[in-house]
Amino acid sequence: MRPGTEAADTGGPPTRRPGTGRAVAVLVLVALGALIPLLGPSTALHGTGEAAAPGVGGIALLRAVLFAALCVPVGELFVNRLARSVPGAPPAAPRSWAPYAAAAGFVAALGLASVVATGNLVPHSLADIDVGGLYESRDGKLALIEVNAFLVAGLCARSARPAAQVWPLAAVVAAEALRAHPATEQSPLIGSGLTLVHLTCAALWVGGLLYALRTLRRWGPTEAGAALLGRYARVAVVLLAVITATGVCSTLRRMPPGTVLDQLTATAYGRVLLAKVLLVAVVAALALWARFRLRRAPDPLTACSPARAEVVALGVVVVVSGLLTALPVPIRW
């Protein structure tokens, strides 16, 4: 009798590989998440009188992949550092996803660079792409930095010193901060500084929580797991405060205080920003719930349940952020 057919022959339920249901659930969530940048632009632009750039849905999807690819390795580096300071921490660690994230980020950055190389138009053939032109424009140079940075990050992730990823990942964050604030903008360096801090803290929060939960699952029900989650939670409070402060400042730079309420409903950028704010509020509520369980529940590890929901909500926030960066910036009224 073959091992895989024993349950079926004895009338018991069929066996299945552990983690199959979890993998299917993740694939379904990823597929649903991809619909947000693909279908979101038409919904956000409806009735605003604004025109989006060609291929805005594809660009939003690529930016969401790029942001997610940044969060994964940053979170791993962050939580690994926290885990080293936990007394009695088990030596076991989950398998690193950093090489796969770097590969996804490289492909996304390459796709975005191809758009820049065609004059911010969607290329229909390789002949449309002017690779040499990337070196002649500010956006092209920043796009090349991101492509090369993800390539180097992937090589570092496979090396004997994966901590070296921090430098190419920092280059990606800096390039994104500069790209989001062109030289024609008023006080572009202030805007780039706000985006640099905002994106760094967001990557630590999202990627850190994901890897912390993966580490707890690997460690099992131990006191070290509760200690690790507690240390992450204390840092996450500070990260949330900084993300909120920089997000508000960036919003007021693009939407003067007297026009914020109107633009939140009358512009595509404002509508998506409002959706992002509501999602972050849900994430904050889940984080508070997890923190309450961590401190008050008889078993601190019951905080993992709301924390898993928080990870899913944060994933949606990342996708919505990708959509937000692809939409036209509102005009300062």
C-alpha atoms as a PDB file:
ATOM      1  CA  MET A   1       0.000   0.000   0.000  1.00  0.00           C
ATOM      2  CA  ARG A   2       1.367   3.439  -0.867  1.00  0.00           C
ATOM      3  CA  PRO A   3       1.756   5.836   2.082  1.00  0.00           C
ATOM      4  CA  GLY A   4      -0.358   8.536   0.501  1.00  0.00           C
ATOM      5  CA  THR A   5      -3.370   6.207   0.039  1.00  0.00           C
ATOM      6  CA  GLU A   6      -3.655   4.750   3.517  1.00  0.00           C
ATOM      7  CA  ALA A   7      -6.331   7.165   4.794  1.00  0.00           C
ATOM      8  CA  ALA A   8      -8.418   6.747   1.677  1.00  0.00           C
ATOM      9  CA  ASP A   9      -8.309   2.937   1.868  1.00  0.00           C
ATOM     10  CA  THR A  10      -9.346   2.879   5.531  1.00  0.00           C
ATOM     11  CA  GLY A  11     -12.238   5.249   5.034  1.00  0.00           C
ATOM     12  CA  GLY A  12     -10.550   8.176   6.826  1.00  0.00           C
ATOM     13  CA  PRO A  13     -10.194  11.677   5.441  1.00  0.00           C
ATOM     14  CA  PRO A  14      -7.601  12.084   2.679  1.00  0.00           C
ATOM     15  CA  THR A  15      -4.241  13.359   3.790  1.00  0.00           C
ATOM     16  CA  ARG A  16      -2.811  16.592   2.429  1.00  0.00           C
ATOM     17  CA  ARG A  17       0.498  18.331   2.706  1.00  0.00           C
ATOM     18  CA  PRO A  18       0.818  20.697   5.696  1.00  0.00           C
ATOM     19  CA  GLY A  19       0.511  24.352   4.749  1.00  0.00           C
ATOM     20  CA  THR A  20      -1.372  23.717   1.499  1.00  0.00           C
ATOM     21  CA  GLY A  21      -4.465  25.571   2.675  1.00  0.00           C
ATOM     22  CA  ARG A  22      -2.343  28.475   3.891  1.00  0.00           C
ATOM     23  CA  ALA A  23      -0.541  28.691   0.535  1.00  0.00           C
ATOM     24  CA  VAL A  24      -3.836  28.694  -1.371  1.00  0.00           C
ATOM     25  CA  ALA A  25      -5.199  31.433   0.897  1.00  0.00           C
ATOM     26  CA  VAL A  26      -2.102  33.558   0.275  1.00  0.00           C
ATOM     27  CA  LEU A  27      -2.407  33.115  -3.494  1.00  0.00           C
ATOM     28  CA  VAL A  28      -6.076  34.135  -3.373  1.00  0.00           C
ATOM     29  CA  LEU A  29      -5.232  37.230  -1.304  1.00  0.00           C
ATOM     30  CA  VAL A  30      -2.438  38.192  -3.721  1.00  0.00           C
ATOM     31  CA  ALA A  31      -4.773  37.797  -6.704  1.00  0.00           C
ATOM     32  CA  LEU A  32      -7.432  39.928  -5.035  1.00  0.00           C
ATOM     33  CA  GLY A  33      -4.825  42.510  -4.056  1.00  0.00           C
ATOM     34  CA  ALA A  34      -3.671  42.794  -7.672  1.00  0.00           C
ATOM     35  CA  LEU A  35      -7.178  43.877  -8.662  1.00  0.00           C
ATOM     36  CA  ILE A  36      -6.837  47.065  -6.582  1.00  0.00           C
ATOM     37  CA  PRO A  37      -4.195  48.769  -8.767  1.00  0.00           C
ATOM     38  CA  LEU A  38      -5.654  47.345 -11.969  1.00  0.00           C
ATOM     39  CA  LEU A  39      -9.268  48.425 -11.378  1.00  0.00           C
ATOM     40  CA  GLY A  40      -8.728  51.216  -8.854  1.00  0.00           C
ATOM     41  CA  PRO A  41      -7.701  54.047 -11.218  1.00  0.00           C
ATOM     42  CA  SER A  42     -10.971  54.098 -13.148  1.00  0.00           C
ATOM     43  CA  THR A  43     -12.961  54.122  -9.913  1.00  0.00           C
ATOM     44  CA  ALA A  44     -10.849  56.861  -8.328  1.00  0.00           C
ATOM     45  CA  LEU A  45     -10.887  59.060 -11.445  1.00  0.00           C
ATOM     46  CA  HIS A  46     -14.628  58.718 -12.087  1.00  0.00           C
ATOM     47  CA  GLY A  47     -16.285  62.121 -12.088  1.00  0.00           C
ATOM     48  CA  THR A  48     -13.155  64.114 -11.218  1.00  0.00           C
ATOM     49  CA  GLY A  49     -12.416  65.442 -14.710  1.00  0.00           C
ATOM     50  CA  GLU A  50      -8.791  64.340 -14.324  1.00  0.00           C
ATOM     51  CA  ALA A  51      -6.846  62.301 -16.826  1.00  0.00           C
ATOM     52  CA  ALA A  52      -4.456  59.561 -15.771  1.00  0.00           C
ATOM     53  CA  ALA A  53      -1.198  58.679 -17.469  1.00  0.00           C
ATOM     54  CA  PRO A  54      -1.276  55.803 -19.972  1.00  0.00           C
ATOM     55  CA  GLY A  55      -1.037  52.378 -18.351  1.00  0.00           C
ATOM     56  CA  VAL A  56      -1.689  53.742 -14.858  1.00  0.00           C
ATOM     57  CA  GLY A  57      -3.033  50.394 -13.656  1.00  0.00           C
ATOM     58  CA  GLY A  58       0.102  48.506 -14.671  1.00  0.00           C
ATOM     59  CA  ILE A  59       2.350  51.195 -13.192  1.00  0.00           C
ATOM     60  CA  ALA A  60       0.421  51.070  -9.912  1.00  0.00           C
ATOM     61  CA  LEU A  61       0.819  47.287  -9.797  1.00  0.00           C
ATOM     62  CA  LEU A  62       4.565  47.530 -10.443  1.00  0.00           C
ATOM     63  CA  ARG A  63       4.965  50.135  -7.710  1.00  0.00           C
ATOM     64  CA  ALA A  64       3.013  47.967  -5.259  1.00  0.00           C
ATOM     65  CA  VAL A  65       5.322  45.026  -6.043  1.00  0.00           C
ATOM     66  CA  LEU A  66       8.352  47.287  -5.612  1.00  0.00           C
ATOM     67  CA  PHE A  67       7.145  48.508  -2.205  1.00  0.00           C
ATOM     68  CA  ALA A  68       6.369  44.963  -1.052  1.00  0.00           C
ATOM     69  CA  ALA A  69       9.783  43.771  -2.276  1.00  0.00           C
ATOM     70  CA  LEU A  70      11.363  46.519  -0.181  1.00  0.00           C
ATOM     71  CA  CYS A  71       9.389  45.665   2.972  1.00  0.00           C
ATOM     72  CA  VAL A  72      10.305  41.963   3.087  1.00  0.00           C
ATOM     73  CA  PRO A  73      14.122  42.196   3.426  1.00  0.00           C
ATOM     74  CA  VAL A  74      13.989  45.343   5.567  1.00  0.00           C
ATOM     75  CA  GLY A  75      11.652  43.548   7.980  1.00  0.00           C
ATOM     76  CA  GLU A  76      13.902  40.489   8.108  1.00  0.00           C
ATOM     77  CA  LEU A  77      16.986  42.562   8.960  1.00  0.00           C
ATOM     78  CA  PHE A  78      15.034  44.475  11.598  1.00  0.00           C
ATOM     79  CA  VAL A  79      13.499  41.464  13.371  1.00  0.00           C
ATOM     80  CA  ASN A  80      16.691  39.426  13.202  1.00  0.00           C
ATOM     81  CA  ARG A  81      18.370  42.245  15.095  1.00  0.00           C
ATOM     82  CA  LEU A  82      15.577  42.222  17.688  1.00  0.00           C
ATOM     83  CA  ALA A  83      15.739  38.416  18.006  1.00  0.00           C
ATOM     84  CA  ARG A  84      19.443  38.520  18.843  1.00  0.00           C
ATOM     85  CA  SER A  85      18.655  40.597  21.918  1.00  0.00           C
ATOM     86  CA  VAL A  86      15.949  38.211  23.228  1.00  0.00           C
ATOM     87  CA  PRO A  87      17.232  36.049  26.127  1.00  0.00           C
ATOM     88  CA  GLY A  88      16.940  32.327  25.436  1.00  0.00           C
ATOM     89  CA  ALA A  89      15.902  32.819  21.810  1.00  0.00           C
ATOM     90  CA  PRO A  90      15.884  29.531  19.849  1.00  0.00           C
ATOM     91  CA  PRO A  91      18.548  29.341  17.145  1.00  0.00           C
ATOM     92  CA  ALA A  92      16.016  28.301  14.500  1.00  0.00           C
ATOM     93  CA  ALA A  93      14.905  30.983  12.057  1.00  0.00           C
ATOM     94  CA  PRO A  94      12.417  30.905   9.185  1.00  0.00           C
ATOM     95  CA  ARG A  95      13.715  30.651   5.663  1.00  0.00           C
ATOM     96  CA  SER A  96      14.610  34.041   4.227  1.00  0.00           C
ATOM     97  CA  TRP A  97      12.351  35.445   1.520  1.00  0.00           C
ATOM     98  CA  ALA A  98      14.818  38.234   0.743  1.00  0.00           C
ATOM     99  CA  PRO A  99      16.226  36.648  -2.470  1.00  0.00           C
ATOM    100  CA  TYR A 100      12.718  36.190  -3.895  1.00  0.00           C
ATOM    101  CA  ALA A 101      11.748  39.719  -2.844  1.00  0.00           C
ATOM    102  CA  ALA A 102      14.865  41.112  -4.531  1.00  0.00           C
ATOM    103  CA  ALA A 103      13.989  39.237  -7.729  1.00  0.00           C
ATOM    104  CA  ALA A 104      10.430  40.611  -7.668  1.00  0.00           C
ATOM    105  CA  GLY A 105      11.724  44.111  -6.942  1.00  0.00           C
ATOM    106  CA  PHE A 106      14.227  43.850  -9.786  1.00  0.00           C
ATOM    107  CA  VAL A 107      11.502  42.880 -12.263  1.00  0.00           C
ATOM    108  CA  ALA A 108       9.188  45.657 -11.030  1.00  0.00           C
ATOM    109  CA  ALA A 109      11.964  48.267 -11.146  1.00  0.00           C
ATOM    110  CA  LEU A 110      12.942  47.081 -14.632  1.00  0.00           C
ATOM    111  CA  GLY A 111       9.337  47.454 -15.790  1.00  0.00           C
ATOM    112  CA  LEU A 112       9.117  50.975 -14.351  1.00  0.00           C
ATOM    113  CA  ALA A 113      12.455  51.881 -15.950  1.00  0.00           C
ATOM    114  CA  SER A 114      11.131  50.742 -19.339  1.00  0.00           C
ATOM    115  CA  VAL A 115       8.209  53.132 -18.938  1.00  0.00           C
ATOM    116  CA  VAL A 116      10.583  56.005 -18.145  1.00  0.00           C
ATOM    117  CA  ALA A 117      12.741  55.039 -21.146  1.00  0.00           C
ATOM    118  CA  THR A 118       9.783  55.539 -23.486  1.00  0.00           C
ATOM    119  CA  GLY A 119       8.938  59.023 -22.222  1.00  0.00           C
ATOM    120  CA  ASN A 120       6.548  57.788 -19.489  1.00  0.00           C
ATOM    121  CA  LEU A 121       4.531  55.843 -22.052  1.00  0.00           C
ATOM    122  CA  VAL A 122       3.815  52.125 -22.045  1.00  0.00           C
ATOM    123  CA  PRO A 123       6.265  50.420 -24.442  1.00  0.00           C
ATOM    124  CA  HIS A 124       4.691  48.139 -27.015  1.00  0.00           C
ATOM    125  CA  SER A 125       7.960  46.671 -28.287  1.00  0.00           C
ATOM    126  CA  LEU A 126      11.655  46.622 -27.408  1.00  0.00           C
ATOM    127  CA  ALA A 127      12.267  49.140 -30.194  1.00  0.00           C
ATOM    128  CA  ASP A 128      10.250  51.715 -28.251  1.00  0.00           C
ATOM    129  CA  ILE A 129      12.657  51.604 -25.301  1.00  0.00           C
ATOM    130  CA  ASP A 130      15.527  54.071 -25.352  1.00  0.00           C
ATOM    131  CA  VAL A 131      17.900  52.626 -22.761  1.00  0.00           C
ATOM    132  CA  GLY A 132      20.525  55.299 -23.405  1.00  0.00           C
ATOM    133  CA  GLY A 133      17.959  57.982 -22.684  1.00  0.00           C
ATOM    134  CA  LEU A 134      17.741  56.818 -19.073  1.00  0.00           C
ATOM    135  CA  TYR A 135      21.167  58.341 -18.413  1.00  0.00           C
ATOM    136  CA  GLU A 136      20.034  61.732 -19.718  1.00  0.00           C
ATOM    137  CA  SER A 137      17.140  62.403 -17.336  1.00  0.00           C
ATOM    138  CA  ARG A 138      16.763  62.614 -13.573  1.00  0.00           C
ATOM    139  CA  ASP A 139      13.919  60.078 -13.504  1.00  0.00           C
ATOM    140  CA  GLY A 140      15.886  57.722 -15.726  1.00  0.00           C
ATOM    141  CA  LYS A 141      18.925  57.782 -13.454  1.00  0.00           C
ATOM    142  CA  LEU A 142      16.762  57.133 -10.386  1.00  0.00           C
ATOM    143  CA  ALA A 143      15.060  54.231 -12.182  1.00  0.00           C
ATOM    144  CA  LEU A 144      18.458  52.714 -13.001  1.00  0.00           C
ATOM    145  CA  ILE A 145      19.552  53.081  -9.370  1.00  0.00           C
ATOM    146  CA  GLU A 146      16.516  51.082  -8.255  1.00  0.00           C
ATOM    147  CA  VAL A 147      17.121  48.334 -10.824  1.00  0.00           C
ATOM    148  CA  ASN A 148      20.791  47.969  -9.866  1.00  0.00           C
ATOM    149  CA  ALA A 149      20.042  48.262  -6.130  1.00  0.00           C
ATOM    150  CA  PHE A 150      17.612  45.334  -6.179  1.00  0.00           C
ATOM    151  CA  LEU A 151      20.131  43.300  -8.186  1.00  0.00           C
ATOM    152  CA  VAL A 152      22.853  43.980  -5.596  1.00  0.00           C
ATOM    153  CA  ALA A 153      20.407  43.308  -2.741  1.00  0.00           C
ATOM    154  CA  GLY A 154      19.640  39.897  -4.213  1.00  0.00           C
ATOM    155  CA  LEU A 155      23.335  39.061  -4.448  1.00  0.00           C
ATOM    156  CA  CYS A 156      23.859  40.197  -0.853  1.00  0.00           C
ATOM    157  CA  ALA A 157      20.914  38.064   0.306  1.00  0.00           C
ATOM    158  CA  ARG A 158      22.608  34.992  -1.207  1.00  0.00           C
ATOM    159  CA  SER A 159      26.017  35.874   0.224  1.00  0.00           C
ATOM    160  CA  ALA A 160      27.593  34.966   3.554  1.00  0.00           C
ATOM    161  CA  ARG A 161      26.750  38.454   4.868  1.00  0.00           C
ATOM    162  CA  PRO A 162      23.054  39.095   4.153  1.00  0.00           C
ATOM    163  CA  ALA A 163      23.129  42.135   6.460  1.00  0.00           C
ATOM    164  CA  ALA A 164      24.922  43.974   3.638  1.00  0.00           C
ATOM    165  CA  GLN A 165      21.512  44.271   1.948  1.00  0.00           C
ATOM    166  CA  VAL A 166      20.894  47.358   4.058  1.00  0.00           C
ATOM    167  CA  TRP A 167      22.974  49.538   1.710  1.00  0.00           C
ATOM    168  CA  PRO A 168      21.270  48.741  -1.631  1.00  0.00           C
ATOM    169  CA  LEU A 169      17.875  48.804   0.123  1.00  0.00           C
ATOM    170  CA  ALA A 170      18.707  52.258   1.481  1.00  0.00           C
ATOM    171  CA  ALA A 171      19.521  53.307  -2.085  1.00  0.00           C
ATOM    172  CA  VAL A 172      16.058  52.163  -3.223  1.00  0.00           C
ATOM    173  CA  VAL A 173      14.381  54.183  -0.453  1.00  0.00           C
ATOM    174  CA  ALA A 174      16.452  57.282  -1.309  1.00  0.00           C
ATOM    175  CA  ALA A 175      15.711  56.941  -5.026  1.00  0.00           C
ATOM    176  CA  GLU A 176      11.968  56.608  -4.351  1.00  0.00           C
ATOM    177  CA  ALA A 177      12.044  59.668  -2.089  1.00  0.00           C
ATOM    178  CA  LEU A 178      13.781  61.748  -4.758  1.00  0.00           C
ATOM    179  CA  ARG A 179      11.546  60.429  -7.552  1.00  0.00           C
ATOM    180  CA  ALA A 180       8.378  61.387  -5.691  1.00  0.00           C
ATOM    181  CA  HIS A 181       9.483  65.022  -5.441  1.00  0.00           C
ATOM    182  CA  PRO A 182      10.788  66.461  -8.724  1.00  0.00           C
ATOM    183  CA  ALA A 183      13.051  69.525  -8.774  1.00  0.00           C
ATOM    184  CA  THR A 184      10.166  71.670 -10.060  1.00  0.00           C
ATOM    185  CA  GLU A 185       8.258  71.151  -6.815  1.00  0.00           C
ATOM    186  CA  GLN A 186       8.362  73.771  -4.069  1.00  0.00           C
ATOM    187  CA  SER A 187      11.029  72.797  -1.480  1.00  0.00           C
ATOM    188  CA  PRO A 188      11.647  69.347  -3.032  1.00  0.00           C
ATOM    189  CA  LEU A 189      14.304  68.349  -0.485  1.00  0.00           C
ATOM    190  CA  ILE A 190      11.832  68.765   2.386  1.00  0.00           C
ATOM    191  CA  GLY A 191       9.342  66.561   0.568  1.00  0.00           C
ATOM    192  CA  SER A 192      12.024  63.969  -0.188  1.00  0.00           C
ATOM    193  CA  GLY A 193      13.092  63.950   3.463  1.00  0.00           C
ATOM    194  CA  LEU A 194       9.528  63.357   4.632  1.00  0.00           C
ATOM    195  CA  THR A 195       9.053  60.542   2.103  1.00  0.00           C
ATOM    196  CA  LEU A 196      12.414  58.998   3.060  1.00  0.00           C
ATOM    197  CA  VAL A 197      11.420  58.762   6.731  1.00  0.00           C
ATOM    198  CA  HIS A 198       7.831  57.714   5.918  1.00  0.00           C
ATOM    199  CA  LEU A 199       8.875  54.901   3.574  1.00  0.00           C
ATOM    200  CA  THR A 200      11.614  53.629   5.893  1.00  0.00           C
ATOM    201  CA  CYS A 201       9.282  53.419   8.889  1.00  0.00           C
ATOM    202  CA  ALA A 202       6.543  51.807   6.793  1.00  0.00           C
ATOM    203  CA  ALA A 203       8.945  49.129   5.516  1.00  0.00           C
ATOM    204  CA  LEU A 204      10.106  48.390   9.067  1.00  0.00           C
ATOM    205  CA  TRP A 205       6.506  48.147  10.300  1.00  0.00           C
ATOM    206  CA  VAL A 206       5.084  45.986   7.500  1.00  0.00           C
ATOM    207  CA  GLY A 207       8.079  43.755   6.871  1.00  0.00           C
ATOM    208  CA  GLY A 208       8.923  43.523  10.561  1.00  0.00           C
ATOM    209  CA  LEU A 209       5.496  42.265  11.583  1.00  0.00           C
ATOM    210  CA  LEU A 210       5.452  39.705   8.769  1.00  0.00           C
ATOM    211  CA  TYR A 211       8.832  38.265   9.725  1.00  0.00           C
ATOM    212  CA  ALA A 212       8.081  38.432  13.465  1.00  0.00           C
ATOM    213  CA  LEU A 213       5.000  36.238  12.952  1.00  0.00           C
ATOM    214  CA  ARG A 214       6.978  33.842  10.769  1.00  0.00           C
ATOM    215  CA  THR A 215       9.638  33.641  13.480  1.00  0.00           C
ATOM    216  CA  LEU A 216       7.055  32.938  16.195  1.00  0.00           C
ATOM    217  CA  ARG A 217       5.582  30.152  14.097  1.00  0.00           C
ATOM    218  CA  ARG A 218       9.070  28.676  13.743  1.00  0.00           C
ATOM    219  CA  TRP A 219       9.870  28.989  17.451  1.00  0.00           C
ATOM    220  CA  GLY A 220       6.559  27.626  18.694  1.00  0.00           C
ATOM    221  CA  PRO A 221       4.869  28.565  21.999  1.00  0.00           C
ATOM    222  CA  THR A 222       7.888  29.839  23.933  1.00  0.00           C
ATOM    223  CA  GLU A 223       8.526  32.727  26.303  1.00  0.00           C
ATOM    224  CA  ALA A 224      11.099  34.018  23.843  1.00  0.00           C
ATOM    225  CA  GLY A 225       8.355  34.352  21.220  1.00  0.00           C
ATOM    226  CA  ALA A 226       6.246  36.527  23.503  1.00  0.00           C
ATOM    227  CA  ALA A 227       9.333  38.611  24.327  1.00  0.00           C
ATOM    228  CA  LEU A 228      10.128  39.110  20.634  1.00  0.00           C
ATOM    229  CA  LEU A 229       6.566  40.176  19.852  1.00  0.00           C
ATOM    230  CA  GLY A 230       6.641  42.576  22.799  1.00  0.00           C
ATOM    231  CA  ARG A 231       9.875  44.192  21.615  1.00  0.00           C
ATOM    232  CA  TYR A 232       8.479  44.577  18.121  1.00  0.00           C
ATOM    233  CA  ALA A 233       5.259  46.097  19.502  1.00  0.00           C
ATOM    234  CA  ARG A 234       7.179  48.752  21.445  1.00  0.00           C
ATOM    235  CA  VAL A 235       9.075  49.825  18.330  1.00  0.00           C
ATOM    236  CA  ALA A 236       5.907  49.655  16.203  1.00  0.00           C
ATOM    237  CA  VAL A 237       4.242  52.311  18.379  1.00  0.00           C
ATOM    238  CA  VAL A 238       7.049  54.738  17.545  1.00  0.00           C
ATOM    239  CA  LEU A 239       6.955  53.748  13.866  1.00  0.00           C
ATOM    240  CA  LEU A 240       3.199  54.402  13.689  1.00  0.00           C
ATOM    241  CA  ALA A 241       3.632  57.831  15.289  1.00  0.00           C
ATOM    242  CA  VAL A 242       6.366  58.807  12.823  1.00  0.00           C
ATOM    243  CA  ILE A 243       4.409  57.448   9.844  1.00  0.00           C
ATOM    244  CA  THR A 244       1.352  59.457  10.907  1.00  0.00           C
ATOM    245  CA  ALA A 245       3.341  62.676  11.418  1.00  0.00           C
ATOM    246  CA  THR A 246       5.211  62.456   8.108  1.00  0.00           C
ATOM    247  CA  GLY A 247       2.043  61.438   6.265  1.00  0.00           C
ATOM    248  CA  VAL A 248       0.133  64.452   7.587  1.00  0.00           C
ATOM    249  CA  CYS A 249       2.992  66.815   6.702  1.00  0.00           C
ATOM    250  CA  SER A 250       3.264  65.394   3.188  1.00  0.00           C
ATOM    251  CA  THR A 251      -0.496  65.696   2.695  1.00  0.00           C
ATOM    252  CA  LEU A 252      -0.519  69.344   3.791  1.00  0.00           C
ATOM    253  CA  ARG A 253       2.322  70.067   1.371  1.00  0.00           C
ATOM    254  CA  ARG A 254       0.226  68.801  -1.532  1.00  0.00           C
ATOM    255  CA  MET A 255      -3.183  69.827  -0.203  1.00  0.00           C
ATOM    256  CA  PRO A 256      -3.261  73.160   1.667  1.00  0.00           C
ATOM    257  CA  PRO A 257      -5.345  72.949   4.892  1.00  0.00           C
ATOM    258  CA  GLY A 258      -8.252  74.939   3.466  1.00  0.00           C
ATOM    259  CA  THR A 259      -8.702  72.553   0.531  1.00  0.00           C
ATOM    260  CA  VAL A 260      -8.046  69.153   2.113  1.00  0.00           C
ATOM    261  CA  LEU A 261     -11.684  68.200   2.721  1.00  0.00           C
ATOM    262  CA  ASP A 262     -12.698  69.155  -0.828  1.00  0.00           C
ATOM    263  CA  GLN A 263      -9.776  67.390  -2.484  1.00  0.00           C
ATOM    264  CA  LEU A 264     -10.272  64.206  -0.447  1.00  0.00           C
ATOM    265  CA  THR A 265     -13.526  63.640  -2.309  1.00  0.00           C
ATOM    266  CA  ALA A 266     -13.115  65.636  -5.537  1.00  0.00           C
ATOM    267  CA  THR A 267      -9.737  64.323  -6.765  1.00  0.00           C
ATOM    268  CA  ALA A 268      -8.541  60.796  -7.515  1.00  0.00           C
ATOM    269  CA  TYR A 269      -5.445  61.293  -5.378  1.00  0.00           C
ATOM    270  CA  GLY A 270      -7.562  62.522  -2.484  1.00  0.00           C
ATOM    271  CA  ARG A 271      -9.996  59.609  -2.714  1.00  0.00           C
ATOM    272  CA  VAL A 272      -7.244  56.994  -2.659  1.00  0.00           C
ATOM    273  CA  LEU A 273      -5.489  58.874   0.144  1.00  0.00           C
ATOM    274  CA  LEU A 274      -8.723  58.823   2.149  1.00  0.00           C
ATOM    275  CA  ALA A 275      -9.023  55.060   1.567  1.00  0.00           C
ATOM    276  CA  LYS A 276      -5.440  54.639   2.750  1.00  0.00           C
ATOM    277  CA  VAL A 277      -6.097  56.678   5.902  1.00  0.00           C
ATOM    278  CA  LEU A 278      -9.148  54.547   6.732  1.00  0.00           C
ATOM    279  CA  LEU A 279      -7.132  51.355   6.203  1.00  0.00           C
ATOM    280  CA  VAL A 280      -4.337  52.631   8.452  1.00  0.00           C
ATOM    281  CA  ALA A 281      -6.971  53.370  11.115  1.00  0.00           C
ATOM    282  CA  VAL A 282      -8.121  49.740  10.895  1.00  0.00           C
ATOM    283  CA  VAL A 283      -4.504  48.582  11.140  1.00  0.00           C
ATOM    284  CA  ALA A 284      -3.959  50.780  14.210  1.00  0.00           C
ATOM    285  CA  ALA A 285      -7.052  49.282  15.869  1.00  0.00           C
ATOM    286  CA  LEU A 286      -5.786  45.751  15.195  1.00  0.00           C
ATOM    287  CA  ALA A 287      -2.370  46.710  16.564  1.00  0.00           C
ATOM    288  CA  LEU A 288      -3.962  48.028  19.763  1.00  0.00           C
ATOM    289  CA  TRP A 289      -5.983  44.825  20.088  1.00  0.00           C
ATOM    290  CA  ALA A 290      -2.826  42.728  19.681  1.00  0.00           C
ATOM    291  CA  ARG A 291      -0.969  44.894  22.197  1.00  0.00           C
ATOM    292  CA  PHE A 292      -3.829  44.519  24.708  1.00  0.00           C
ATOM    293  CA  ARG A 293      -3.722  40.724  24.384  1.00  0.00           C
ATOM    294  CA  LEU A 294       0.044  40.748  24.654  1.00  0.00           C
ATOM    295  CA  ARG A 295      -0.140  42.558  28.003  1.00  0.00           C
ATOM    296  CA  ARG A 296      -3.370  41.292  29.573  1.00  0.00           C
ATOM    297  CA  ALA A 297      -4.174  37.837  28.177  1.00  0.00           C
ATOM    298  CA  PRO A 298      -3.104  34.738  30.167  1.00  0.00           C
ATOM    299  CA  ASP A 299      -1.318  33.538  27.028  1.00  0.00           C
ATOM    300  CA  PRO A 300       0.494  36.509  25.402  1.00  0.00           C
ATOM    301  CA  LEU A 301       0.830  34.625  22.123  1.00  0.00           C
ATOM    302  CA  THR A 302      -2.929  34.948  21.529  1.00  0.00           C
ATOM    303  CA  ALA A 303      -1.892  38.374  20.215  1.00  0.00           C
ATOM    304  CA  CYS A 304      -0.845  36.563  17.035  1.00  0.00           C
ATOM    305  CA  SER A 305      -4.463  36.338  15.830  1.00  0.00           C
ATOM    306  CA  PRO A 306      -5.076  40.114  15.503  1.00  0.00           C
ATOM    307  CA  ALA A 307      -1.465  40.505  14.370  1.00  0.00           C
ATOM    308  CA  ARG A 308      -2.117  38.181  11.398  1.00  0.00           C
ATOM    309  CA  ALA A 309      -5.162  40.264  10.462  1.00  0.00           C
ATOM    310  CA  GLU A 310      -2.948  43.334  10.798  1.00  0.00           C
ATOM    311  CA  VAL A 311      -0.459  41.875   8.298  1.00  0.00           C
ATOM    312  CA  VAL A 312      -3.236  41.324   5.751  1.00  0.00           C
ATOM    313  CA  ALA A 313      -4.519  44.881   6.244  1.00  0.00           C
ATOM    314  CA  LEU A 314      -0.986  46.237   5.912  1.00  0.00           C
ATOM    315  CA  GLY A 315      -0.620  44.330   2.658  1.00  0.00           C
ATOM    316  CA  VAL A 316      -3.689  46.138   1.333  1.00  0.00           C
ATOM    317  CA  VAL A 317      -2.182  49.453   2.494  1.00  0.00           C
ATOM    318  CA  VAL A 318       0.973  48.683   0.485  1.00  0.00           C
ATOM    319  CA  VAL A 319      -1.092  47.985  -2.644  1.00  0.00           C
ATOM    320  CA  VAL A 320      -3.145  51.157  -2.166  1.00  0.00           C
ATOM    321  CA  SER A 321       0.110  53.107  -1.706  1.00  0.00           C
ATOM    322  CA  GLY A 322       1.291  51.801  -5.068  1.00  0.00           C
ATOM    323  CA  LEU A 323      -1.942  53.052  -6.629  1.00  0.00           C
ATOM    324  CA  LEU A 324      -1.562  56.420  -4.908  1.00  0.00           C
ATOM    325  CA  THR A 325       1.889  57.038  -6.397  1.00  0.00           C
ATOM    326  CA  ALA A 326       0.598  56.359  -9.933  1.00  0.00           C
ATOM    327  CA  LEU A 327      -2.305  58.831  -9.838  1.00  0.00           C
ATOM    328  CA  PRO A 328      -1.973  62.511 -10.826  1.00  0.00           C
ATOM    329  CA  VAL A 329      -0.957  64.751  -7.932  1.00  0.00           C
ATOM    330  CA  PRO A 330      -3.740  67.261  -7.115  1.00  0.00           C
ATOM    331  CA  ILE A 331      -3.271  70.873  -8.161  1.00  0.00           C
ATOM    332  CA  ARG A 332      -2.638  73.275  -5.284  1.00  0.00           C
ATOM    333  CA  TRP A 333      -5.818  75.366  -5.198  1.00  0.00           C
END
